[in-house]
Amino acid sequence: MSESPILDEHFATLHKISMSDLYLGFLKKVYPDVLPHQNFKAFVKNRPPNPEVYMPLLKRHFEKVTDEDVIAINRLHQGYQKARISVYHGIDQLAAETEILTPTFQEEPVWSWFMKRGRDEKVYEAFDADFQQLSEDIEHANIEKINQTLKEQRREKRPDDGFIWLMLTEPVLMGEVLDSFNDTEIFSKWIKGEFKEWEIEF
């Protein structure tokens, strides 16, 4: 079991927080530029990603890169990360591709982006290899970010506040966590670095 009672079975408490009017009101106040705010999942989808994370990769492989490219491959990263996490839960890789990656590619804005950028097979294959590595690097950075926050809260003798603080300061990351994980034991192993992403090939 988790050391924090907030990290309870199936993330029930954190899901409850994410659906509360108080939390959604907080997101509307802090991130007024993000629309729509119907629910937490909509916020996670529509919060603009940091272009600095993706621009070097995009410019290395494509010409005339725009913000639309950044938004599309951020969604793509979220799909790949979720697919890897589903494998950590014990789901077969083929099932992860069918149930998670295929719908990710079929949804907008990824579909239109792929139809544009995937025309040249060789160019896209080169991009894809680098992109999947970047996606894994982002996942590692996410783990480090979570661990650092929890460590700081433990240092201040407020271990239960760590996940609350993450919900306030890293809402997109926590949205990805709540969307991808359904087992807190798997999550605990994930943040301890017990899974080997390089063994998963999509």
N, C-alpha and C. Protein backbone atom coordinates (compact mmCIF):
# COMPACT_ATOMS: atom_id res chain seq x y z
N MET A 1 0.83 -1.21 0.00
CA MET A 1 0.00 0.00 0.00
C MET A 1 0.87 1.26 0.00
N SER A 2 0.30 2.38 -0.44
CA SER A 2 1.02 3.64 -0.49
C SER A 2 1.24 4.20 0.90
N GLU A 3 2.33 4.98 1.07
CA GLU A 3 2.59 5.65 2.33
C GLU A 3 1.59 6.77 2.57
N SER A 4 0.98 7.28 1.53
CA SER A 4 0.05 8.40 1.64
C SER A 4 -1.40 7.91 1.53
N PRO A 5 -2.24 8.25 2.52
CA PRO A 5 -3.65 7.85 2.44
C PRO A 5 -4.37 8.50 1.27
N ILE A 6 -3.82 9.61 0.77
CA ILE A 6 -4.44 10.26 -0.38
C ILE A 6 -4.33 9.38 -1.62
N LEU A 7 -3.25 8.61 -1.69
CA LEU A 7 -3.06 7.70 -2.83
C LEU A 7 -3.74 6.38 -2.49
N ASP A 8 -5.07 6.40 -2.47
CA ASP A 8 -5.83 5.22 -2.07
C ASP A 8 -6.16 4.35 -3.28
N GLU A 9 -6.92 3.30 -3.05
CA GLU A 9 -7.22 2.33 -4.11
C GLU A 9 -7.90 2.99 -5.29
N HIS A 10 -7.37 2.70 -6.48
CA HIS A 10 -7.91 3.23 -7.74
C HIS A 10 -7.88 4.76 -7.80
N PHE A 11 -7.04 5.39 -6.97
CA PHE A 11 -6.90 6.86 -6.98
C PHE A 11 -8.23 7.55 -6.70
N ALA A 12 -9.05 6.93 -5.85
CA ALA A 12 -10.41 7.44 -5.63
C ALA A 12 -10.42 8.89 -5.13
N THR A 13 -9.55 9.20 -4.17
CA THR A 13 -9.54 10.56 -3.61
C THR A 13 -9.10 11.59 -4.65
N LEU A 14 -8.05 11.27 -5.40
CA LEU A 14 -7.58 12.21 -6.42
C LEU A 14 -8.60 12.39 -7.54
N HIS A 15 -9.29 11.31 -7.91
CA HIS A 15 -10.36 11.44 -8.91
C HIS A 15 -11.47 12.34 -8.38
N LYS A 16 -11.79 12.17 -7.10
CA LYS A 16 -12.84 12.99 -6.50
C LYS A 16 -12.44 14.47 -6.52
N ILE A 17 -11.18 14.73 -6.20
CA ILE A 17 -10.69 16.12 -6.24
C ILE A 17 -10.79 16.67 -7.66
N SER A 18 -10.38 15.87 -8.64
CA SER A 18 -10.36 16.34 -10.03
C SER A 18 -11.75 16.67 -10.57
N MET A 19 -12.78 16.08 -9.98
CA MET A 19 -14.15 16.31 -10.44
C MET A 19 -14.88 17.36 -9.61
N SER A 20 -14.22 17.88 -8.58
CA SER A 20 -14.89 18.82 -7.69
C SER A 20 -15.02 20.21 -8.33
N ASP A 21 -16.09 20.90 -8.00
CA ASP A 21 -16.31 22.26 -8.51
C ASP A 21 -15.20 23.19 -8.02
N LEU A 22 -14.72 22.95 -6.81
CA LEU A 22 -13.66 23.80 -6.25
C LEU A 22 -12.39 23.70 -7.08
N TYR A 23 -12.02 22.48 -7.47
CA TYR A 23 -10.79 22.29 -8.24
C TYR A 23 -10.95 22.85 -9.65
N LEU A 24 -12.09 22.58 -10.28
CA LEU A 24 -12.32 23.12 -11.63
C LEU A 24 -12.35 24.65 -11.60
N GLY A 25 -12.89 25.21 -10.53
CA GLY A 25 -12.88 26.66 -10.38
C GLY A 25 -11.46 27.19 -10.27
N PHE A 26 -10.61 26.45 -9.57
CA PHE A 26 -9.20 26.82 -9.45
C PHE A 26 -8.54 26.82 -10.83
N LEU A 27 -8.78 25.79 -11.62
CA LEU A 27 -8.18 25.70 -12.95
C LEU A 27 -8.65 26.85 -13.84
N LYS A 28 -9.92 27.19 -13.76
CA LYS A 28 -10.44 28.30 -14.56
C LYS A 28 -9.77 29.62 -14.19
N LYS A 29 -9.49 29.78 -12.91
CA LYS A 29 -8.87 31.02 -12.44
C LYS A 29 -7.40 31.10 -12.83
N VAL A 30 -6.69 30.00 -12.67
CA VAL A 30 -5.24 30.00 -12.92
C VAL A 30 -4.93 29.88 -14.41
N TYR A 31 -5.79 29.16 -15.14
CA TYR A 31 -5.55 28.95 -16.58
C TYR A 31 -6.76 29.43 -17.38
N PRO A 32 -7.05 30.73 -17.36
CA PRO A 32 -8.24 31.24 -18.05
C PRO A 32 -8.18 31.10 -19.56
N ASP A 33 -6.96 30.88 -20.10
CA ASP A 33 -6.80 30.78 -21.55
C ASP A 33 -7.18 29.41 -22.08
N VAL A 34 -7.38 28.44 -21.18
CA VAL A 34 -7.65 27.07 -21.62
C VAL A 34 -9.15 26.83 -21.66
N LEU A 35 -9.65 26.56 -22.85
CA LEU A 35 -11.08 26.28 -23.02
C LEU A 35 -11.23 25.02 -23.86
N PRO A 36 -12.24 24.23 -23.67
CA PRO A 36 -13.28 24.39 -22.65
C PRO A 36 -12.85 23.81 -21.30
N HIS A 37 -13.62 24.16 -20.28
CA HIS A 37 -13.34 23.66 -18.93
C HIS A 37 -14.50 22.78 -18.43
N GLN A 38 -15.14 22.04 -19.31
CA GLN A 38 -16.29 21.26 -18.85
C GLN A 38 -15.90 20.27 -17.77
N ASN A 39 -14.70 19.71 -17.89
CA ASN A 39 -14.23 18.74 -16.91
C ASN A 39 -12.71 18.69 -16.95
N PHE A 40 -12.15 17.91 -16.05
CA PHE A 40 -10.70 17.84 -15.92
C PHE A 40 -10.05 17.25 -17.17
N LYS A 41 -10.67 16.23 -17.76
CA LYS A 41 -10.10 15.62 -18.96
C LYS A 41 -10.04 16.63 -20.10
N ALA A 42 -11.07 17.46 -20.23
CA ALA A 42 -11.07 18.48 -21.28
C ALA A 42 -9.93 19.47 -21.05
N PHE A 43 -9.70 19.82 -19.79
CA PHE A 43 -8.59 20.73 -19.47
C PHE A 43 -7.26 20.12 -19.88
N VAL A 44 -7.04 18.85 -19.52
CA VAL A 44 -5.78 18.18 -19.83
C VAL A 44 -5.55 18.13 -21.34
N LYS A 45 -6.60 17.91 -22.10
CA LYS A 45 -6.49 17.85 -23.56
C LYS A 45 -6.19 19.22 -24.17
N ASN A 46 -6.75 20.26 -23.59
CA ASN A 46 -6.69 21.58 -24.22
C ASN A 46 -5.64 22.52 -23.66
N ARG A 47 -4.97 22.13 -22.60
CA ARG A 47 -3.89 22.95 -22.07
C ARG A 47 -2.72 22.92 -23.05
N PRO A 48 -2.31 24.07 -23.62
CA PRO A 48 -1.23 24.07 -24.61
C PRO A 48 0.07 23.52 -24.03
N PRO A 49 0.76 22.64 -24.75
CA PRO A 49 2.03 22.09 -24.27
C PRO A 49 3.15 23.12 -24.42
N ASN A 50 4.25 22.87 -23.75
CA ASN A 50 5.42 23.72 -23.87
C ASN A 50 6.09 23.44 -25.22
N PRO A 51 6.11 24.40 -26.14
CA PRO A 51 6.68 24.15 -27.47
C PRO A 51 8.16 23.81 -27.44
N GLU A 52 8.88 24.28 -26.41
CA GLU A 52 10.31 24.01 -26.33
C GLU A 52 10.62 22.53 -26.20
N VAL A 53 9.67 21.77 -25.71
CA VAL A 53 9.87 20.33 -25.55
C VAL A 53 9.92 19.63 -26.91
N TYR A 54 9.10 20.11 -27.85
CA TYR A 54 8.93 19.40 -29.11
C TYR A 54 9.57 20.07 -30.33
N MET A 55 9.79 21.37 -30.27
CA MET A 55 10.27 22.10 -31.44
C MET A 55 11.59 21.58 -32.00
N PRO A 56 12.60 21.29 -31.18
CA PRO A 56 13.86 20.78 -31.75
C PRO A 56 13.67 19.52 -32.57
N LEU A 57 12.85 18.60 -32.09
CA LEU A 57 12.57 17.36 -32.82
C LEU A 57 11.82 17.65 -34.11
N LEU A 58 10.80 18.47 -34.03
CA LEU A 58 9.99 18.77 -35.22
C LEU A 58 10.82 19.46 -36.29
N LYS A 59 11.62 20.45 -35.89
CA LYS A 59 12.42 21.19 -36.87
C LYS A 59 13.53 20.33 -37.48
N ARG A 60 13.94 19.31 -36.77
CA ARG A 60 14.97 18.41 -37.29
C ARG A 60 14.42 17.54 -38.42
N HIS A 61 13.12 17.30 -38.42
CA HIS A 61 12.55 16.36 -39.39
C HIS A 61 11.59 17.00 -40.40
N PHE A 62 10.99 18.14 -40.05
CA PHE A 62 9.97 18.72 -40.92
C PHE A 62 10.27 20.19 -41.22
N GLU A 63 9.68 20.66 -42.32
CA GLU A 63 9.80 22.07 -42.68
C GLU A 63 8.54 22.82 -42.26
N LYS A 64 8.70 24.12 -42.06
CA LYS A 64 7.57 24.99 -41.74
C LYS A 64 6.75 24.45 -40.57
N VAL A 65 7.42 24.25 -39.46
CA VAL A 65 6.76 23.73 -38.26
C VAL A 65 5.91 24.82 -37.62
N THR A 66 4.71 24.44 -37.16
CA THR A 66 3.78 25.38 -36.54
C THR A 66 3.36 24.87 -35.16
N ASP A 67 2.57 25.70 -34.48
CA ASP A 67 2.02 25.30 -33.18
C ASP A 67 1.11 24.08 -33.32
N GLU A 68 0.51 23.92 -34.49
CA GLU A 68 -0.35 22.75 -34.72
C GLU A 68 0.45 21.46 -34.64
N ASP A 69 1.68 21.49 -35.12
CA ASP A 69 2.55 20.32 -35.01
C ASP A 69 2.81 20.00 -33.54
N VAL A 70 3.08 21.03 -32.76
CA VAL A 70 3.37 20.84 -31.34
C VAL A 70 2.18 20.23 -30.62
N ILE A 71 1.00 20.76 -30.87
CA ILE A 71 -0.21 20.25 -30.21
C ILE A 71 -0.46 18.80 -30.60
N ALA A 72 -0.28 18.49 -31.88
CA ALA A 72 -0.55 17.14 -32.37
C ALA A 72 0.41 16.12 -31.76
N ILE A 73 1.71 16.43 -31.75
CA ILE A 73 2.62 15.40 -31.23
C ILE A 73 2.61 15.34 -29.71
N ASN A 74 2.12 16.40 -29.06
CA ASN A 74 1.91 16.28 -27.62
C ASN A 74 0.79 15.29 -27.34
N ARG A 75 -0.29 15.37 -28.12
CA ARG A 75 -1.37 14.39 -27.99
C ARG A 75 -0.85 12.99 -28.31
N LEU A 76 0.02 12.92 -29.31
CA LEU A 76 0.60 11.63 -29.69
C LEU A 76 1.44 11.08 -28.54
N HIS A 77 2.23 11.94 -27.93
CA HIS A 77 3.03 11.51 -26.76
C HIS A 77 2.12 10.98 -25.66
N GLN A 78 1.04 11.70 -25.38
CA GLN A 78 0.13 11.25 -24.32
C GLN A 78 -0.41 9.87 -24.63
N GLY A 79 -0.69 9.60 -25.92
CA GLY A 79 -1.17 8.28 -26.31
C GLY A 79 -0.11 7.21 -26.13
N TYR A 80 1.12 7.50 -26.54
CA TYR A 80 2.20 6.52 -26.40
C TYR A 80 2.53 6.27 -24.94
N GLN A 81 2.55 7.32 -24.15
CA GLN A 81 2.82 7.15 -22.72
C GLN A 81 1.74 6.29 -22.07
N LYS A 82 0.48 6.56 -22.41
CA LYS A 82 -0.62 5.78 -21.86
C LYS A 82 -0.53 4.32 -22.31
N ALA A 83 -0.12 4.10 -23.56
CA ALA A 83 0.02 2.73 -24.06
C ALA A 83 1.12 1.99 -23.30
N ARG A 84 2.25 2.65 -23.07
CA ARG A 84 3.32 2.01 -22.29
C ARG A 84 2.84 1.68 -20.88
N ILE A 85 2.13 2.61 -20.28
CA ILE A 85 1.64 2.39 -18.92
C ILE A 85 0.65 1.24 -18.88
N SER A 86 -0.15 1.09 -19.93
CA SER A 86 -1.09 -0.04 -19.97
C SER A 86 -0.33 -1.36 -20.01
N VAL A 87 0.82 -1.37 -20.68
CA VAL A 87 1.66 -2.58 -20.69
C VAL A 87 2.22 -2.84 -19.30
N TYR A 88 2.57 -1.79 -18.57
CA TYR A 88 3.03 -1.97 -17.19
C TYR A 88 1.94 -2.63 -16.34
N HIS A 89 0.68 -2.36 -16.69
CA HIS A 89 -0.44 -2.96 -15.97
C HIS A 89 -0.66 -4.42 -16.37
N GLY A 90 0.06 -4.89 -17.39
CA GLY A 90 -0.07 -6.28 -17.80
C GLY A 90 -0.85 -6.49 -19.08
N ILE A 91 -1.25 -5.40 -19.74
CA ILE A 91 -1.98 -5.52 -21.00
C ILE A 91 -1.00 -5.88 -22.11
N ASP A 92 -1.43 -6.76 -23.00
CA ASP A 92 -0.61 -7.17 -24.13
C ASP A 92 -0.30 -5.96 -25.02
N GLN A 93 0.91 -5.93 -25.59
CA GLN A 93 1.31 -4.79 -26.41
C GLN A 93 0.41 -4.61 -27.63
N LEU A 94 -0.01 -5.70 -28.25
CA LEU A 94 -0.90 -5.60 -29.40
C LEU A 94 -2.23 -4.98 -28.99
N ALA A 95 -2.72 -5.38 -27.82
CA ALA A 95 -3.97 -4.81 -27.32
C ALA A 95 -3.80 -3.32 -27.02
N ALA A 96 -2.63 -2.95 -26.50
CA ALA A 96 -2.37 -1.53 -26.23
C ALA A 96 -2.38 -0.73 -27.53
N GLU A 97 -1.81 -1.30 -28.58
CA GLU A 97 -1.82 -0.62 -29.87
C GLU A 97 -3.24 -0.45 -30.38
N THR A 98 -4.02 -1.53 -30.29
CA THR A 98 -5.39 -1.51 -30.81
C THR A 98 -6.31 -0.60 -30.00
N GLU A 99 -6.19 -0.68 -28.69
CA GLU A 99 -7.13 0.02 -27.81
C GLU A 99 -6.73 1.46 -27.50
N ILE A 100 -5.44 1.77 -27.63
CA ILE A 100 -4.99 3.12 -27.25
C ILE A 100 -4.36 3.87 -28.41
N LEU A 101 -3.36 3.27 -29.06
CA LEU A 101 -2.65 4.00 -30.11
C LEU A 101 -3.49 4.23 -31.35
N THR A 102 -4.24 3.22 -31.79
CA THR A 102 -5.07 3.40 -32.98
C THR A 102 -6.08 4.53 -32.80
N PRO A 103 -6.84 4.55 -31.68
CA PRO A 103 -7.75 5.69 -31.47
C PRO A 103 -7.02 7.03 -31.37
N THR A 104 -5.80 7.02 -30.82
CA THR A 104 -5.02 8.26 -30.72
C THR A 104 -4.74 8.83 -32.11
N PHE A 105 -4.35 7.96 -33.04
CA PHE A 105 -4.07 8.40 -34.40
C PHE A 105 -5.34 8.81 -35.14
N GLN A 106 -6.47 8.20 -34.79
CA GLN A 106 -7.71 8.47 -35.50
C GLN A 106 -8.39 9.75 -35.05
N GLU A 107 -8.03 10.24 -33.88
CA GLU A 107 -8.66 11.45 -33.36
C GLU A 107 -7.94 12.71 -33.86
N GLU A 108 -8.71 13.78 -33.96
CA GLU A 108 -8.11 15.08 -34.27
C GLU A 108 -7.46 15.67 -33.02
N PRO A 109 -6.39 16.41 -33.14
CA PRO A 109 -5.77 16.87 -34.39
C PRO A 109 -4.70 15.92 -34.95
N VAL A 110 -4.53 14.77 -34.30
CA VAL A 110 -3.45 13.87 -34.72
C VAL A 110 -3.68 13.34 -36.13
N TRP A 111 -4.93 13.00 -36.46
CA TRP A 111 -5.21 12.40 -37.76
C TRP A 111 -4.81 13.34 -38.90
N SER A 112 -5.26 14.59 -38.84
CA SER A 112 -4.93 15.55 -39.90
C SER A 112 -3.43 15.79 -39.97
N TRP A 113 -2.81 15.86 -38.80
CA TRP A 113 -1.36 16.06 -38.75
C TRP A 113 -0.64 14.88 -39.40
N PHE A 114 -1.07 13.66 -39.09
CA PHE A 114 -0.42 12.47 -39.65
C PHE A 114 -0.62 12.39 -41.16
N MET A 115 -1.79 12.76 -41.64
CA MET A 115 -2.04 12.76 -43.08
C MET A 115 -1.11 13.74 -43.80
N LYS A 116 -0.74 14.80 -43.11
CA LYS A 116 0.16 15.79 -43.70
C LYS A 116 1.62 15.38 -43.56
N ARG A 117 2.03 15.00 -42.37
CA ARG A 117 3.44 14.73 -42.10
C ARG A 117 3.85 13.30 -42.41
N GLY A 118 2.88 12.41 -42.57
CA GLY A 118 3.23 11.02 -42.82
C GLY A 118 3.28 10.64 -44.28
N ARG A 119 3.18 11.62 -45.16
CA ARG A 119 3.18 11.33 -46.60
C ARG A 119 4.49 10.73 -47.07
N ASP A 120 5.59 11.25 -46.57
CA ASP A 120 6.91 10.73 -46.93
C ASP A 120 7.28 9.67 -45.90
N GLU A 121 7.21 8.41 -46.30
CA GLU A 121 7.40 7.30 -45.37
C GLU A 121 8.78 7.33 -44.70
N LYS A 122 9.82 7.60 -45.47
CA LYS A 122 11.18 7.60 -44.91
C LYS A 122 11.36 8.72 -43.89
N VAL A 123 10.84 9.88 -44.23
CA VAL A 123 10.94 11.02 -43.32
C VAL A 123 10.19 10.72 -42.03
N TYR A 124 8.99 10.14 -42.17
CA TYR A 124 8.20 9.87 -40.97
C TYR A 124 8.83 8.78 -40.12
N GLU A 125 9.40 7.76 -40.74
CA GLU A 125 10.05 6.69 -39.98
C GLU A 125 11.21 7.24 -39.15
N ALA A 126 11.98 8.14 -39.75
CA ALA A 126 13.09 8.76 -39.02
C ALA A 126 12.56 9.60 -37.86
N PHE A 127 11.49 10.34 -38.12
CA PHE A 127 10.86 11.13 -37.07
C PHE A 127 10.35 10.23 -35.95
N ASP A 128 9.68 9.14 -36.33
CA ASP A 128 9.04 8.27 -35.35
C ASP A 128 10.05 7.68 -34.37
N ALA A 129 11.20 7.27 -34.88
CA ALA A 129 12.23 6.70 -34.00
C ALA A 129 12.68 7.72 -32.96
N ASP A 130 12.91 8.95 -33.41
CA ASP A 130 13.33 10.00 -32.48
C ASP A 130 12.18 10.41 -31.56
N PHE A 131 10.98 10.43 -32.10
CA PHE A 131 9.82 10.82 -31.30
C PHE A 131 9.58 9.84 -30.16
N GLN A 132 9.65 8.54 -30.45
CA GLN A 132 9.40 7.57 -29.38
C GLN A 132 10.46 7.68 -28.28
N GLN A 133 11.69 7.99 -28.67
CA GLN A 133 12.73 8.21 -27.66
C GLN A 133 12.41 9.44 -26.82
N LEU A 134 11.96 10.51 -27.50
CA LEU A 134 11.59 11.72 -26.77
C LEU A 134 10.43 11.45 -25.82
N SER A 135 9.45 10.69 -26.28
CA SER A 135 8.30 10.36 -25.45
C SER A 135 8.73 9.63 -24.18
N GLU A 136 9.68 8.71 -24.33
CA GLU A 136 10.20 8.00 -23.16
C GLU A 136 10.96 8.95 -22.24
N ASP A 137 11.71 9.89 -22.85
CA ASP A 137 12.45 10.87 -22.05
C ASP A 137 11.49 11.75 -21.25
N ILE A 138 10.38 12.13 -21.88
CA ILE A 138 9.37 12.94 -21.19
C ILE A 138 8.78 12.15 -20.03
N GLU A 139 8.54 10.87 -20.26
CA GLU A 139 8.01 10.02 -19.19
C GLU A 139 8.98 9.97 -18.01
N HIS A 140 10.26 9.81 -18.30
CA HIS A 140 11.27 9.82 -17.23
C HIS A 140 11.26 11.16 -16.49
N ALA A 141 11.14 12.25 -17.24
CA ALA A 141 11.11 13.58 -16.62
C ALA A 141 9.87 13.73 -15.74
N ASN A 142 8.75 13.16 -16.17
CA ASN A 142 7.53 13.20 -15.36
C ASN A 142 7.73 12.46 -14.04
N ILE A 143 8.37 11.30 -14.12
CA ILE A 143 8.64 10.53 -12.91
C ILE A 143 9.52 11.34 -11.96
N GLU A 144 10.55 11.95 -12.51
CA GLU A 144 11.46 12.76 -11.69
C GLU A 144 10.73 13.93 -11.05
N LYS A 145 9.83 14.56 -11.81
CA LYS A 145 9.08 15.70 -11.30
C LYS A 145 8.20 15.29 -10.13
N ILE A 146 7.54 14.16 -10.26
CA ILE A 146 6.69 13.65 -9.18
C ILE A 146 7.54 13.33 -7.96
N ASN A 147 8.62 12.61 -8.16
CA ASN A 147 9.48 12.23 -7.04
C ASN A 147 10.06 13.44 -6.32
N GLN A 148 10.46 14.45 -7.08
CA GLN A 148 11.04 15.65 -6.48
C GLN A 148 10.02 16.36 -5.60
N THR A 149 8.79 16.48 -6.10
CA THR A 149 7.74 17.13 -5.31
C THR A 149 7.44 16.36 -4.04
N LEU A 150 7.32 15.04 -4.16
CA LEU A 150 7.03 14.22 -2.98
C LEU A 150 8.18 14.29 -1.98
N LYS A 151 9.40 14.32 -2.48
CA LYS A 151 10.57 14.42 -1.61
C LYS A 151 10.57 15.73 -0.84
N GLU A 152 10.24 16.82 -1.52
CA GLU A 152 10.21 18.13 -0.87
C GLU A 152 9.13 18.18 0.21
N GLN A 153 7.99 17.57 -0.06
CA GLN A 153 6.91 17.57 0.93
C GLN A 153 7.26 16.70 2.14
N ARG A 154 7.96 15.59 1.90
CA ARG A 154 8.39 14.75 3.02
C ARG A 154 9.41 15.50 3.88
N ARG A 155 10.28 16.27 3.22
CA ARG A 155 11.29 17.04 3.94
C ARG A 155 10.61 18.06 4.86
N GLU A 156 9.48 18.57 4.42
CA GLU A 156 8.74 19.54 5.23
C GLU A 156 7.73 18.85 6.15
N LYS A 157 7.85 17.51 6.22
CA LYS A 157 7.00 16.70 7.10
C LYS A 157 5.52 16.85 6.76
N ARG A 158 5.24 16.97 5.45
CA ARG A 158 3.85 17.02 4.98
C ARG A 158 3.68 16.04 3.82
N PRO A 159 3.93 14.75 4.06
CA PRO A 159 3.89 13.78 2.96
C PRO A 159 2.55 13.69 2.25
N ASP A 160 1.46 13.90 3.00
CA ASP A 160 0.14 13.79 2.38
C ASP A 160 -0.15 14.95 1.44
N ASP A 161 0.59 16.06 1.60
CA ASP A 161 0.35 17.23 0.77
C ASP A 161 0.99 17.11 -0.61
N GLY A 162 1.87 16.13 -0.80
CA GLY A 162 2.60 16.02 -2.06
C GLY A 162 1.70 15.89 -3.27
N PHE A 163 0.73 15.01 -3.19
CA PHE A 163 -0.16 14.79 -4.33
C PHE A 163 -1.13 15.95 -4.52
N ILE A 164 -1.52 16.60 -3.42
CA ILE A 164 -2.36 17.79 -3.54
C ILE A 164 -1.58 18.89 -4.25
N TRP A 165 -0.32 19.05 -3.86
CA TRP A 165 0.53 20.06 -4.49
C TRP A 165 0.72 19.78 -5.97
N LEU A 166 0.88 18.50 -6.32
CA LEU A 166 1.00 18.13 -7.73
C LEU A 166 -0.27 18.45 -8.50
N MET A 167 -1.43 18.23 -7.88
CA MET A 167 -2.69 18.55 -8.54
C MET A 167 -2.79 20.06 -8.81
N LEU A 168 -2.19 20.86 -7.94
CA LEU A 168 -2.25 22.31 -8.09
C LEU A 168 -1.20 22.84 -9.05
N THR A 169 0.00 22.27 -9.01
CA THR A 169 1.11 22.82 -9.79
C THR A 169 1.37 22.08 -11.10
N GLU A 170 0.95 20.84 -11.18
CA GLU A 170 1.16 20.03 -12.39
C GLU A 170 -0.14 19.33 -12.79
N PRO A 171 -1.19 20.12 -13.08
CA PRO A 171 -2.49 19.50 -13.36
C PRO A 171 -2.50 18.61 -14.60
N VAL A 172 -1.76 18.99 -15.64
CA VAL A 172 -1.75 18.15 -16.85
C VAL A 172 -1.06 16.82 -16.57
N LEU A 173 0.07 16.87 -15.89
CA LEU A 173 0.78 15.64 -15.54
C LEU A 173 -0.10 14.74 -14.69
N MET A 174 -0.76 15.30 -13.69
CA MET A 174 -1.62 14.48 -12.84
C MET A 174 -2.85 14.00 -13.60
N GLY A 175 -3.31 14.78 -14.57
CA GLY A 175 -4.40 14.32 -15.41
C GLY A 175 -4.00 13.11 -16.22
N GLU A 176 -2.76 13.13 -16.73
CA GLU A 176 -2.24 11.98 -17.47
C GLU A 176 -2.12 10.77 -16.56
N VAL A 177 -1.68 10.99 -15.33
CA VAL A 177 -1.56 9.89 -14.37
C VAL A 177 -2.92 9.27 -14.09
N LEU A 178 -3.91 10.10 -13.81
CA LEU A 178 -5.24 9.59 -13.48
C LEU A 178 -5.91 8.92 -14.67
N ASP A 179 -5.57 9.38 -15.87
CA ASP A 179 -6.14 8.77 -17.07
C ASP A 179 -5.47 7.45 -17.43
N SER A 180 -4.21 7.29 -17.03
CA SER A 180 -3.44 6.12 -17.46
C SER A 180 -3.37 5.00 -16.43
N PHE A 181 -3.36 5.36 -15.16
CA PHE A 181 -3.20 4.35 -14.10
C PHE A 181 -4.53 4.03 -13.44
N ASN A 182 -4.75 2.76 -13.14
CA ASN A 182 -5.90 2.37 -12.33
C ASN A 182 -5.47 1.56 -11.11
N ASP A 183 -4.17 1.37 -10.95
CA ASP A 183 -3.63 0.56 -9.86
C ASP A 183 -2.52 1.37 -9.17
N THR A 184 -2.74 1.72 -7.91
CA THR A 184 -1.75 2.53 -7.21
C THR A 184 -0.45 1.77 -6.96
N GLU A 185 -0.51 0.45 -6.89
CA GLU A 185 0.72 -0.33 -6.72
C GLU A 185 1.59 -0.22 -7.97
N ILE A 186 0.96 -0.27 -9.14
CA ILE A 186 1.70 -0.11 -10.40
C ILE A 186 2.29 1.29 -10.47
N PHE A 187 1.50 2.27 -10.06
CA PHE A 187 1.99 3.65 -10.04
C PHE A 187 3.21 3.79 -9.13
N SER A 188 3.16 3.17 -7.96
CA SER A 188 4.28 3.25 -7.02
C SER A 188 5.54 2.62 -7.62
N LYS A 189 5.37 1.52 -8.34
CA LYS A 189 6.51 0.89 -9.01
C LYS A 189 7.04 1.79 -10.12
N TRP A 190 6.12 2.46 -10.80
CA TRP A 190 6.50 3.35 -11.91
C TRP A 190 7.38 4.48 -11.42
N ILE A 191 6.98 5.14 -10.33
CA ILE A 191 7.77 6.28 -9.86
C ILE A 191 9.08 5.82 -9.22
N LYS A 192 9.18 4.53 -8.92
CA LYS A 192 10.44 3.98 -8.41
C LYS A 192 11.36 3.54 -9.56
N GLY A 193 10.86 3.66 -10.79
CA GLY A 193 11.68 3.31 -11.95
C GLY A 193 11.83 1.83 -12.19
N GLU A 194 10.82 1.05 -11.81
CA GLU A 194 10.93 -0.41 -11.93
C GLU A 194 10.54 -0.95 -13.30
N PHE A 195 10.02 -0.09 -14.18
CA PHE A 195 9.63 -0.55 -15.51
C PHE A 195 10.66 -0.12 -16.55
N LYS A 196 10.84 -0.94 -17.57
CA LYS A 196 11.85 -0.70 -18.59
C LYS A 196 11.18 -0.32 -19.91
N GLU A 197 11.08 0.99 -20.17
CA GLU A 197 10.40 1.44 -21.37
C GLU A 197 11.04 0.94 -22.64
N TRP A 198 12.38 0.78 -22.60
CA TRP A 198 13.07 0.39 -23.83
C TRP A 198 12.74 -1.04 -24.26
N GLU A 199 12.10 -1.81 -23.39
CA GLU A 199 11.70 -3.16 -23.75
C GLU A 199 10.37 -3.16 -24.50
N ILE A 200 9.72 -2.00 -24.57
CA ILE A 200 8.42 -1.88 -25.24
C ILE A 200 8.62 -1.20 -26.58
N GLU A 201 8.27 -1.88 -27.65
CA GLU A 201 8.40 -1.31 -28.99
C GLU A 201 7.04 -1.30 -29.68
N PHE A 202 6.60 -0.12 -30.07
CA PHE A 202 5.31 0.01 -30.78
C PHE A 202 5.57 0.27 -32.25
